[in-house]
Amino acid sequence: MKYYFITYQATNRQGSVSIWNYVINESPMKFIKDIVSYEQMDSNTYDNFVVLNTFEISEEEFKEFEDHF
């Protein structure tokens, strides 16, 4: 299994940009696709999602930082 640290951004309806960091244990592309889909079905507050950075991390790093972002 692969683990990743991902940074992505989106724009809210007022035009402000928000940036998030996550550690994930799935493909970064699947993760962002799921986030976009969830956002469209739920609050529909954000759009224009962009992945800024992603890199592979170890399982130990994933476990250490899983709930910190």
N, C-alpha and C. Protein backbone atom coordinates (compact mmCIF):
# COMPACT_ATOMS: atom_id res chain seq x y z
N MET A 1 0.84 -1.17 0.00
CA MET A 1 0.00 0.00 0.00
C MET A 1 0.89 1.24 0.00
N LYS A 2 0.46 2.28 -0.70
CA LYS A 2 1.19 3.53 -0.74
C LYS A 2 0.45 4.59 0.07
N TYR A 3 1.23 5.51 0.63
CA TYR A 3 0.70 6.59 1.45
C TYR A 3 1.22 7.92 0.89
N TYR A 4 0.39 8.95 1.00
CA TYR A 4 0.74 10.23 0.41
C TYR A 4 0.41 11.38 1.34
N PHE A 5 1.18 12.45 1.21
CA PHE A 5 0.85 13.75 1.77
C PHE A 5 0.39 14.58 0.59
N ILE A 6 -0.78 15.21 0.69
CA ILE A 6 -1.33 15.96 -0.42
C ILE A 6 -1.73 17.35 0.05
N THR A 7 -1.43 18.35 -0.77
CA THR A 7 -1.85 19.72 -0.55
C THR A 7 -2.71 20.12 -1.75
N TYR A 8 -3.90 20.63 -1.46
CA TYR A 8 -4.77 21.06 -2.56
C TYR A 8 -5.49 22.33 -2.16
N GLN A 9 -6.03 23.01 -3.16
CA GLN A 9 -6.76 24.25 -2.91
C GLN A 9 -8.05 24.26 -3.70
N ALA A 10 -8.95 25.15 -3.27
CA ALA A 10 -10.21 25.37 -3.97
C ALA A 10 -10.64 26.81 -3.71
N THR A 11 -11.53 27.28 -4.55
CA THR A 11 -12.04 28.64 -4.44
C THR A 11 -13.48 28.59 -3.94
N ASN A 12 -13.79 29.43 -2.94
CA ASN A 12 -15.18 29.46 -2.46
C ASN A 12 -15.99 30.42 -3.31
N ARG A 13 -17.27 30.50 -3.05
CA ARG A 13 -18.19 31.31 -3.86
C ARG A 13 -17.87 32.81 -3.80
N GLN A 14 -17.20 33.26 -2.75
CA GLN A 14 -16.84 34.67 -2.63
C GLN A 14 -15.49 34.96 -3.31
N GLY A 15 -14.83 33.94 -3.82
CA GLY A 15 -13.57 34.12 -4.53
C GLY A 15 -12.32 33.90 -3.70
N SER A 16 -12.47 33.59 -2.42
CA SER A 16 -11.31 33.33 -1.57
C SER A 16 -10.79 31.92 -1.80
N VAL A 17 -9.48 31.79 -1.73
CA VAL A 17 -8.84 30.49 -1.92
C VAL A 17 -8.55 29.87 -0.55
N SER A 18 -8.89 28.59 -0.41
CA SER A 18 -8.56 27.83 0.79
C SER A 18 -7.60 26.71 0.40
N ILE A 19 -6.70 26.39 1.32
CA ILE A 19 -5.69 25.35 1.08
C ILE A 19 -5.77 24.33 2.21
N TRP A 20 -5.71 23.04 1.85
CA TRP A 20 -5.77 21.95 2.83
C TRP A 20 -4.59 21.01 2.63
N ASN A 21 -4.17 20.38 3.73
CA ASN A 21 -3.16 19.33 3.73
C ASN A 21 -3.78 18.08 4.32
N TYR A 22 -3.49 16.94 3.72
CA TYR A 22 -3.98 15.65 4.23
C TYR A 22 -2.91 14.60 4.03
N VAL A 23 -2.95 13.57 4.87
CA VAL A 23 -2.22 12.34 4.58
C VAL A 23 -3.29 11.32 4.19
N ILE A 24 -3.03 10.59 3.13
CA ILE A 24 -4.03 9.68 2.56
C ILE A 24 -3.40 8.34 2.26
N ASN A 25 -4.25 7.33 2.14
CA ASN A 25 -3.77 5.99 1.79
C ASN A 25 -4.50 5.49 0.54
N GLU A 26 -4.72 6.41 -0.40
CA GLU A 26 -5.32 6.08 -1.68
C GLU A 26 -4.67 6.95 -2.75
N SER A 27 -4.95 6.68 -3.97
CA SER A 27 -4.41 7.47 -5.07
C SER A 27 -4.77 8.94 -4.90
N PRO A 28 -3.83 9.86 -5.08
CA PRO A 28 -4.16 11.29 -4.99
C PRO A 28 -5.24 11.70 -5.98
N MET A 29 -5.25 11.12 -7.16
CA MET A 29 -6.28 11.46 -8.15
C MET A 29 -7.66 10.98 -7.69
N LYS A 30 -7.73 9.79 -7.12
CA LYS A 30 -9.01 9.30 -6.60
C LYS A 30 -9.47 10.18 -5.44
N PHE A 31 -8.54 10.53 -4.57
CA PHE A 31 -8.87 11.37 -3.42
C PHE A 31 -9.48 12.69 -3.87
N ILE A 32 -8.84 13.39 -4.79
CA ILE A 32 -9.35 14.70 -5.20
C ILE A 32 -10.65 14.55 -5.97
N LYS A 33 -10.78 13.50 -6.75
CA LYS A 33 -12.04 13.25 -7.46
C LYS A 33 -13.18 13.03 -6.47
N ASP A 34 -12.91 12.27 -5.41
CA ASP A 34 -13.93 12.03 -4.38
C ASP A 34 -14.27 13.32 -3.63
N ILE A 35 -13.27 14.14 -3.34
CA ILE A 35 -13.51 15.41 -2.65
C ILE A 35 -14.39 16.32 -3.50
N VAL A 36 -14.09 16.42 -4.78
CA VAL A 36 -14.89 17.26 -5.69
C VAL A 36 -16.33 16.74 -5.74
N SER A 37 -16.49 15.44 -5.88
CA SER A 37 -17.82 14.84 -5.95
C SER A 37 -18.60 15.08 -4.66
N TYR A 38 -17.96 14.86 -3.51
CA TYR A 38 -18.60 15.08 -2.22
C TYR A 38 -19.02 16.54 -2.08
N GLU A 39 -18.14 17.46 -2.46
CA GLU A 39 -18.43 18.89 -2.35
C GLU A 39 -19.63 19.28 -3.21
N GLN A 40 -19.71 18.74 -4.41
CA GLN A 40 -20.82 19.05 -5.30
C GLN A 40 -22.14 18.51 -4.76
N MET A 41 -22.11 17.36 -4.11
CA MET A 41 -23.34 16.75 -3.59
C MET A 41 -23.74 17.33 -2.23
N ASP A 42 -22.79 17.85 -1.48
CA ASP A 42 -23.08 18.32 -0.13
C ASP A 42 -23.30 19.83 -0.10
N SER A 43 -22.33 20.58 0.30
CA SER A 43 -22.52 22.02 0.51
C SER A 43 -22.36 22.85 -0.76
N ASN A 44 -21.62 22.34 -1.72
CA ASN A 44 -21.37 23.05 -2.98
C ASN A 44 -20.82 24.46 -2.74
N THR A 45 -19.93 24.57 -1.76
CA THR A 45 -19.32 25.83 -1.39
C THR A 45 -18.06 26.12 -2.20
N TYR A 46 -17.32 25.08 -2.56
CA TYR A 46 -16.03 25.25 -3.23
C TYR A 46 -16.07 24.67 -4.64
N ASP A 47 -15.24 25.29 -5.52
CA ASP A 47 -15.03 24.73 -6.85
C ASP A 47 -13.60 25.07 -7.27
N ASN A 48 -13.25 24.73 -8.48
CA ASN A 48 -11.90 24.97 -9.00
C ASN A 48 -10.82 24.32 -8.14
N PHE A 49 -10.98 23.04 -7.85
CA PHE A 49 -10.01 22.30 -7.05
C PHE A 49 -8.73 22.10 -7.85
N VAL A 50 -7.59 22.31 -7.18
CA VAL A 50 -6.29 22.15 -7.80
C VAL A 50 -5.37 21.44 -6.80
N VAL A 51 -4.70 20.38 -7.27
CA VAL A 51 -3.69 19.72 -6.44
C VAL A 51 -2.40 20.52 -6.56
N LEU A 52 -1.91 21.01 -5.44
CA LEU A 52 -0.69 21.82 -5.43
C LEU A 52 0.57 20.97 -5.28
N ASN A 53 0.46 19.91 -4.48
CA ASN A 53 1.63 19.11 -4.19
C ASN A 53 1.19 17.75 -3.68
N THR A 54 1.94 16.76 -4.01
CA THR A 54 1.71 15.44 -3.43
C THR A 54 3.03 14.68 -3.44
N PHE A 55 3.29 13.95 -2.38
CA PHE A 55 4.47 13.10 -2.36
C PHE A 55 4.21 11.89 -1.50
N GLU A 56 4.93 10.83 -1.81
CA GLU A 56 4.76 9.57 -1.10
C GLU A 56 5.45 9.66 0.26
N ILE A 57 4.79 9.09 1.27
CA ILE A 57 5.34 9.04 2.61
C ILE A 57 5.35 7.58 3.08
N SER A 58 6.02 7.32 4.17
CA SER A 58 6.08 5.97 4.71
C SER A 58 4.81 5.65 5.51
N GLU A 59 4.63 4.39 5.76
CA GLU A 59 3.49 3.96 6.58
C GLU A 59 3.60 4.55 7.99
N GLU A 60 4.81 4.63 8.52
CA GLU A 60 5.01 5.20 9.85
C GLU A 60 4.62 6.67 9.88
N GLU A 61 5.00 7.41 8.84
CA GLU A 61 4.62 8.82 8.77
C GLU A 61 3.10 8.97 8.64
N PHE A 62 2.49 8.10 7.85
CA PHE A 62 1.04 8.14 7.72
C PHE A 62 0.37 7.95 9.08
N LYS A 63 0.81 6.95 9.82
CA LYS A 63 0.22 6.67 11.14
C LYS A 63 0.46 7.83 12.12
N GLU A 64 1.63 8.43 12.04
CA GLU A 64 1.96 9.52 12.95
C GLU A 64 1.13 10.78 12.68
N PHE A 65 0.87 11.07 11.42
CA PHE A 65 0.22 12.33 11.05
C PHE A 65 -1.22 12.19 10.56
N GLU A 66 -1.78 11.00 10.63
CA GLU A 66 -3.11 10.72 10.08
C GLU A 66 -4.17 11.68 10.59
N ASP A 67 -4.18 12.02 11.83
CA ASP A 67 -5.24 12.87 12.40
C ASP A 67 -4.75 14.29 12.73
N HIS A 68 -3.64 14.71 12.14
CA HIS A 68 -3.07 16.02 12.47
C HIS A 68 -3.37 17.10 11.45
N PHE A 69 -3.96 16.75 10.34
CA PHE A 69 -4.25 17.76 9.30
C PHE A 69 -5.71 17.79 9.02
